[in-house]
N, C-alpha and C. Protein backbone atom coordinates (compact mmCIF):
# COMPACT_ATOMS: atom_id res chain seq x y z
N UNK A 1 -25.98 134.70 -16.84
CA UNK A 1 -25.98 133.91 -15.62
C UNK A 1 -24.56 133.91 -15.06
N UNK A 2 -24.49 134.03 -13.76
CA UNK A 2 -23.20 133.94 -13.06
C UNK A 2 -23.35 132.91 -11.95
N UNK A 3 -22.30 132.12 -11.74
CA UNK A 3 -22.33 131.07 -10.73
C UNK A 3 -21.21 131.31 -9.73
N UNK A 4 -21.56 131.14 -8.46
CA UNK A 4 -20.54 131.20 -7.41
C UNK A 4 -20.68 129.96 -6.53
N UNK A 5 -19.57 129.56 -5.96
CA UNK A 5 -19.54 128.41 -5.06
C UNK A 5 -19.07 128.91 -3.71
N UNK A 6 -19.89 128.70 -2.68
CA UNK A 6 -19.55 129.20 -1.35
C UNK A 6 -18.55 128.30 -0.64
N UNK A 7 -18.08 128.78 0.49
CA UNK A 7 -17.14 128.02 1.32
C UNK A 7 -17.79 126.78 1.94
N UNK A 8 -19.10 126.65 1.80
CA UNK A 8 -19.80 125.48 2.32
C UNK A 8 -19.51 124.22 1.50
N UNK A 9 -18.94 124.40 0.32
CA UNK A 9 -18.68 123.27 -0.58
C UNK A 9 -17.84 122.21 0.13
N UNK A 10 -18.27 120.95 -0.01
CA UNK A 10 -17.55 119.83 0.61
C UNK A 10 -16.77 119.01 -0.43
N UNK A 11 -16.82 119.44 -1.68
CA UNK A 11 -16.07 118.76 -2.73
C UNK A 11 -16.58 117.38 -3.06
N UNK A 12 -17.89 117.17 -2.95
CA UNK A 12 -18.46 115.84 -3.18
C UNK A 12 -18.43 115.42 -4.64
N UNK A 13 -18.37 116.39 -5.55
CA UNK A 13 -18.29 116.08 -6.97
C UNK A 13 -19.62 115.96 -7.69
N UNK A 14 -20.72 116.18 -7.00
CA UNK A 14 -22.03 116.08 -7.65
C UNK A 14 -22.13 117.06 -8.82
N UNK A 15 -21.68 118.28 -8.62
CA UNK A 15 -21.79 119.29 -9.66
C UNK A 15 -20.95 118.94 -10.88
N UNK A 16 -19.74 118.45 -10.65
CA UNK A 16 -18.87 118.10 -11.77
C UNK A 16 -19.35 116.85 -12.50
N UNK A 17 -20.13 116.03 -11.83
CA UNK A 17 -20.74 114.87 -12.49
C UNK A 17 -21.90 115.32 -13.36
N UNK A 18 -22.71 116.24 -12.84
CA UNK A 18 -23.90 116.72 -13.55
C UNK A 18 -23.53 117.68 -14.68
N UNK A 19 -22.57 118.54 -14.44
CA UNK A 19 -22.17 119.54 -15.43
C UNK A 19 -20.64 119.62 -15.54
N UNK A 20 -20.02 118.59 -16.11
CA UNK A 20 -18.56 118.57 -16.17
C UNK A 20 -17.96 119.66 -17.05
N UNK A 21 -18.76 120.22 -17.96
CA UNK A 21 -18.27 121.30 -18.81
C UNK A 21 -17.98 122.57 -18.00
N UNK A 22 -18.73 122.76 -16.91
CA UNK A 22 -18.64 124.00 -16.13
C UNK A 22 -17.92 123.81 -14.81
N UNK A 23 -18.18 122.72 -14.11
CA UNK A 23 -17.65 122.53 -12.76
C UNK A 23 -16.46 121.58 -12.73
N UNK A 24 -15.54 121.89 -11.84
CA UNK A 24 -14.36 121.06 -11.61
C UNK A 24 -14.07 121.07 -10.11
N UNK A 25 -13.61 119.95 -9.59
CA UNK A 25 -13.22 119.88 -8.19
C UNK A 25 -11.73 120.16 -8.12
N UNK A 26 -11.38 121.14 -7.32
CA UNK A 26 -9.98 121.53 -7.16
C UNK A 26 -9.71 121.76 -5.69
N UNK A 27 -8.77 121.01 -5.14
CA UNK A 27 -8.41 121.11 -3.72
C UNK A 27 -9.65 121.00 -2.82
N UNK A 28 -10.43 119.96 -3.05
CA UNK A 28 -11.60 119.64 -2.22
C UNK A 28 -12.71 120.68 -2.26
N UNK A 29 -12.78 121.43 -3.33
CA UNK A 29 -13.86 122.41 -3.50
C UNK A 29 -14.16 122.56 -4.99
N UNK A 30 -15.39 122.88 -5.29
CA UNK A 30 -15.78 123.07 -6.69
C UNK A 30 -15.43 124.47 -7.16
N UNK A 31 -15.08 124.55 -8.42
CA UNK A 31 -14.92 125.85 -9.07
C UNK A 31 -15.73 125.81 -10.36
N UNK A 32 -16.27 126.96 -10.73
CA UNK A 32 -17.09 127.06 -11.93
C UNK A 32 -16.35 127.90 -12.97
N UNK A 33 -16.28 127.40 -14.18
CA UNK A 33 -15.67 128.14 -15.28
C UNK A 33 -16.74 129.04 -15.89
N UNK A 34 -16.67 130.31 -15.57
CA UNK A 34 -17.69 131.28 -16.00
C UNK A 34 -17.80 131.37 -17.52
N UNK A 35 -16.72 131.05 -18.23
CA UNK A 35 -16.72 131.17 -19.68
C UNK A 35 -17.48 130.04 -20.37
N UNK A 36 -17.82 128.99 -19.60
CA UNK A 36 -18.48 127.83 -20.21
C UNK A 36 -19.93 127.67 -19.78
N UNK A 37 -20.47 128.67 -19.12
CA UNK A 37 -21.86 128.59 -18.66
C UNK A 37 -22.84 128.65 -19.82
N UNK A 38 -22.58 129.57 -20.76
CA UNK A 38 -23.49 129.74 -21.90
C UNK A 38 -23.65 128.43 -22.66
N UNK A 39 -24.86 128.01 -22.85
CA UNK A 39 -25.15 126.74 -23.51
C UNK A 39 -25.27 125.58 -22.54
N UNK A 40 -24.86 125.78 -21.29
CA UNK A 40 -24.94 124.74 -20.27
C UNK A 40 -25.78 125.18 -19.07
N UNK A 41 -26.65 126.16 -19.29
CA UNK A 41 -27.43 126.71 -18.19
C UNK A 41 -28.27 125.67 -17.47
N UNK A 42 -28.93 124.80 -18.23
CA UNK A 42 -29.80 123.80 -17.61
C UNK A 42 -29.03 122.85 -16.70
N UNK A 43 -27.85 122.41 -17.13
CA UNK A 43 -27.08 121.50 -16.29
C UNK A 43 -26.53 122.24 -15.06
N UNK A 44 -26.26 123.53 -15.19
CA UNK A 44 -25.80 124.32 -14.04
C UNK A 44 -26.91 124.43 -13.00
N UNK A 45 -28.12 124.65 -13.46
CA UNK A 45 -29.27 124.72 -12.54
C UNK A 45 -29.46 123.37 -11.86
N UNK A 46 -29.36 122.28 -12.62
CA UNK A 46 -29.47 120.93 -12.04
C UNK A 46 -28.38 120.70 -10.99
N UNK A 47 -27.17 121.16 -11.27
CA UNK A 47 -26.07 121.00 -10.31
C UNK A 47 -26.38 121.76 -9.03
N UNK A 48 -26.90 122.97 -9.15
CA UNK A 48 -27.23 123.77 -7.96
C UNK A 48 -28.34 123.10 -7.16
N UNK A 49 -29.34 122.58 -7.83
CA UNK A 49 -30.46 121.91 -7.15
C UNK A 49 -29.98 120.67 -6.41
N UNK A 50 -29.04 119.94 -7.01
CA UNK A 50 -28.57 118.68 -6.43
C UNK A 50 -27.39 118.81 -5.48
N UNK A 51 -26.89 120.02 -5.28
CA UNK A 51 -25.78 120.21 -4.34
C UNK A 51 -26.27 119.88 -2.93
N UNK A 52 -25.64 118.92 -2.25
CA UNK A 52 -26.15 118.50 -0.94
C UNK A 52 -26.00 119.54 0.16
N UNK A 53 -25.14 120.54 -0.06
CA UNK A 53 -24.95 121.57 0.97
C UNK A 53 -25.36 122.96 0.48
N UNK A 54 -26.04 123.01 -0.67
CA UNK A 54 -26.51 124.27 -1.26
C UNK A 54 -25.40 125.31 -1.40
N UNK A 55 -24.24 124.86 -1.86
CA UNK A 55 -23.08 125.75 -1.98
C UNK A 55 -23.07 126.52 -3.30
N UNK A 56 -23.87 126.10 -4.28
CA UNK A 56 -23.86 126.73 -5.60
C UNK A 56 -24.96 127.78 -5.67
N UNK A 57 -24.56 129.00 -5.98
CA UNK A 57 -25.50 130.11 -6.12
C UNK A 57 -25.50 130.57 -7.56
N UNK A 58 -26.69 130.76 -8.10
CA UNK A 58 -26.84 131.22 -9.47
C UNK A 58 -27.49 132.59 -9.48
N UNK A 59 -26.86 133.51 -10.19
CA UNK A 59 -27.40 134.86 -10.33
C UNK A 59 -27.79 135.06 -11.79
N UNK A 60 -29.01 135.47 -12.01
CA UNK A 60 -29.47 135.79 -13.36
C UNK A 60 -29.16 137.24 -13.65
N UNK A 61 -28.85 137.54 -14.87
CA UNK A 61 -28.58 138.94 -15.26
C UNK A 61 -29.86 139.64 -15.58
């Protein structure tokens, strides 16, 4: 799984609340730590579903 965050991100923090292991807010935008996705896939999917601006994209391998 690979995660990307688009420029639509408003930095609301929903993703970092749902999946703090993977997402962090930096300079008013979310970033995803690709090295920490494994084992946290379900919370990453929840973060993408709950993103109010649909800025989180998940790609399956």
